[in-house]
């Protein structure tokens, strides 16, 4: 019930907003989207910032 028919997920992580912008407008990405978008019935896109966790000295030692 929670999947609502979704069967695949893609996770992408970028170092900066500029890197994401370069990916989004890159010719290879646009070509991929043009080929595969017609076969997608519905899509959910989530864009959210992340905050890297600072590693504690104890965690770094393991």
C-alpha atoms as a PDB file:
ATOM      1  CA  UNK A   1       0.000   0.000   0.000  1.00  0.00           C
ATOM      2  CA  UNK A   2       2.810   2.424   0.770  1.00  0.00           C
ATOM      3  CA  UNK A   3       4.547   1.918  -2.580  1.00  0.00           C
ATOM      4  CA  UNK A   4       1.492   3.007  -4.624  1.00  0.00           C
ATOM      5  CA  UNK A   5       2.799   0.926  -7.518  1.00  0.00           C
ATOM      6  CA  UNK A   6       6.326   2.312  -7.531  1.00  0.00           C
ATOM      7  CA  UNK A   7       8.932  -0.373  -8.165  1.00  0.00           C
ATOM      8  CA  UNK A   8      12.194   1.541  -8.610  1.00  0.00           C
ATOM      9  CA  UNK A   9      14.099   4.261  -6.809  1.00  0.00           C
ATOM     10  CA  UNK A  10      17.155   6.233  -7.857  1.00  0.00           C
ATOM     11  CA  UNK A  11      19.265   8.096  -5.336  1.00  0.00           C
ATOM     12  CA  UNK A  12      21.676  10.771  -6.476  1.00  0.00           C
ATOM     13  CA  UNK A  13      23.961  12.818  -4.256  1.00  0.00           C
ATOM     14  CA  UNK A  14      25.734  15.980  -5.354  1.00  0.00           C
ATOM     15  CA  UNK A  15      28.456  17.995  -3.657  1.00  0.00           C
ATOM     16  CA  UNK A  16      26.752  21.316  -4.384  1.00  0.00           C
ATOM     17  CA  UNK A  17      23.720  22.973  -5.962  1.00  0.00           C
ATOM     18  CA  UNK A  18      25.965  23.893  -8.874  1.00  0.00           C
ATOM     19  CA  UNK A  19      26.868  20.232  -9.421  1.00  0.00           C
ATOM     20  CA  UNK A  20      23.170  19.336  -9.410  1.00  0.00           C
ATOM     21  CA  UNK A  21      22.496  22.093 -11.946  1.00  0.00           C
ATOM     22  CA  UNK A  22      25.271  20.795 -14.190  1.00  0.00           C
ATOM     23  CA  UNK A  23      23.811  17.276 -14.003  1.00  0.00           C
ATOM     24  CA  UNK A  24      20.258  18.446 -14.663  1.00  0.00           C
ATOM     25  CA  UNK A  25      21.221  20.338 -17.822  1.00  0.00           C
ATOM     26  CA  UNK A  26      23.901  17.906 -19.063  1.00  0.00           C
ATOM     27  CA  UNK A  27      23.261  16.623 -22.620  1.00  0.00           C
ATOM     28  CA  UNK A  28      23.590  12.977 -21.513  1.00  0.00           C
ATOM     29  CA  UNK A  29      20.946  13.449 -18.820  1.00  0.00           C
ATOM     30  CA  UNK A  30      18.617  15.235 -21.221  1.00  0.00           C
ATOM     31  CA  UNK A  31      19.045  12.449 -23.788  1.00  0.00           C
ATOM     32  CA  UNK A  32      18.324   9.780 -21.152  1.00  0.00           C
ATOM     33  CA  UNK A  33      15.224  11.644 -20.009  1.00  0.00           C
ATOM     34  CA  UNK A  34      13.966  12.029 -23.580  1.00  0.00           C
ATOM     35  CA  UNK A  35      14.329   8.284 -24.220  1.00  0.00           C
ATOM     36  CA  UNK A  36      12.873   6.942 -20.974  1.00  0.00           C
ATOM     37  CA  UNK A  37      10.330   9.569 -19.882  1.00  0.00           C
ATOM     38  CA  UNK A  38       7.612   8.361 -22.290  1.00  0.00           C
ATOM     39  CA  UNK A  39       7.622   4.933 -20.603  1.00  0.00           C
ATOM     40  CA  UNK A  40       7.105   6.351 -17.103  1.00  0.00           C
ATOM     41  CA  UNK A  41       3.492   6.523 -15.937  1.00  0.00           C
ATOM     42  CA  UNK A  42       4.145   8.483 -12.770  1.00  0.00           C
ATOM     43  CA  UNK A  43       7.172   9.796 -10.973  1.00  0.00           C
ATOM     44  CA  UNK A  44       7.960  11.298  -7.598  1.00  0.00           C
ATOM     45  CA  UNK A  45      11.023  13.512  -7.281  1.00  0.00           C
ATOM     46  CA  UNK A  46      12.344  14.555  -3.890  1.00  0.00           C
ATOM     47  CA  UNK A  47      15.045  17.203  -3.668  1.00  0.00           C
ATOM     48  CA  UNK A  48      16.352  17.949  -0.226  1.00  0.00           C
ATOM     49  CA  UNK A  49      19.580  19.260   1.275  1.00  0.00           C
ATOM     50  CA  UNK A  50      21.678  17.064   3.504  1.00  0.00           C
ATOM     51  CA  UNK A  51      23.940  17.987   6.351  1.00  0.00           C
ATOM     52  CA  UNK A  52      27.028  15.804   6.711  1.00  0.00           C
ATOM     53  CA  UNK A  53      27.509  14.429  10.192  1.00  0.00           C
ATOM     54  CA  UNK A  54      30.765  15.241  11.899  1.00  0.00           C
ATOM     55  CA  UNK A  55      32.618  12.068  12.741  1.00  0.00           C
ATOM     56  CA  UNK A  56      33.565  11.681  16.383  1.00  0.00           C
ATOM     57  CA  UNK A  57      37.139  10.665  17.239  1.00  0.00           C
ATOM     58  CA  UNK A  58      35.829   7.348  18.630  1.00  0.00           C
ATOM     59  CA  UNK A  59      34.011   6.541  15.381  1.00  0.00           C
ATOM     60  CA  UNK A  60      37.053   7.472  13.310  1.00  0.00           C
ATOM     61  CA  UNK A  61      39.163   4.983  15.271  1.00  0.00           C
ATOM     62  CA  UNK A  62      36.964   2.006  14.317  1.00  0.00           C
END
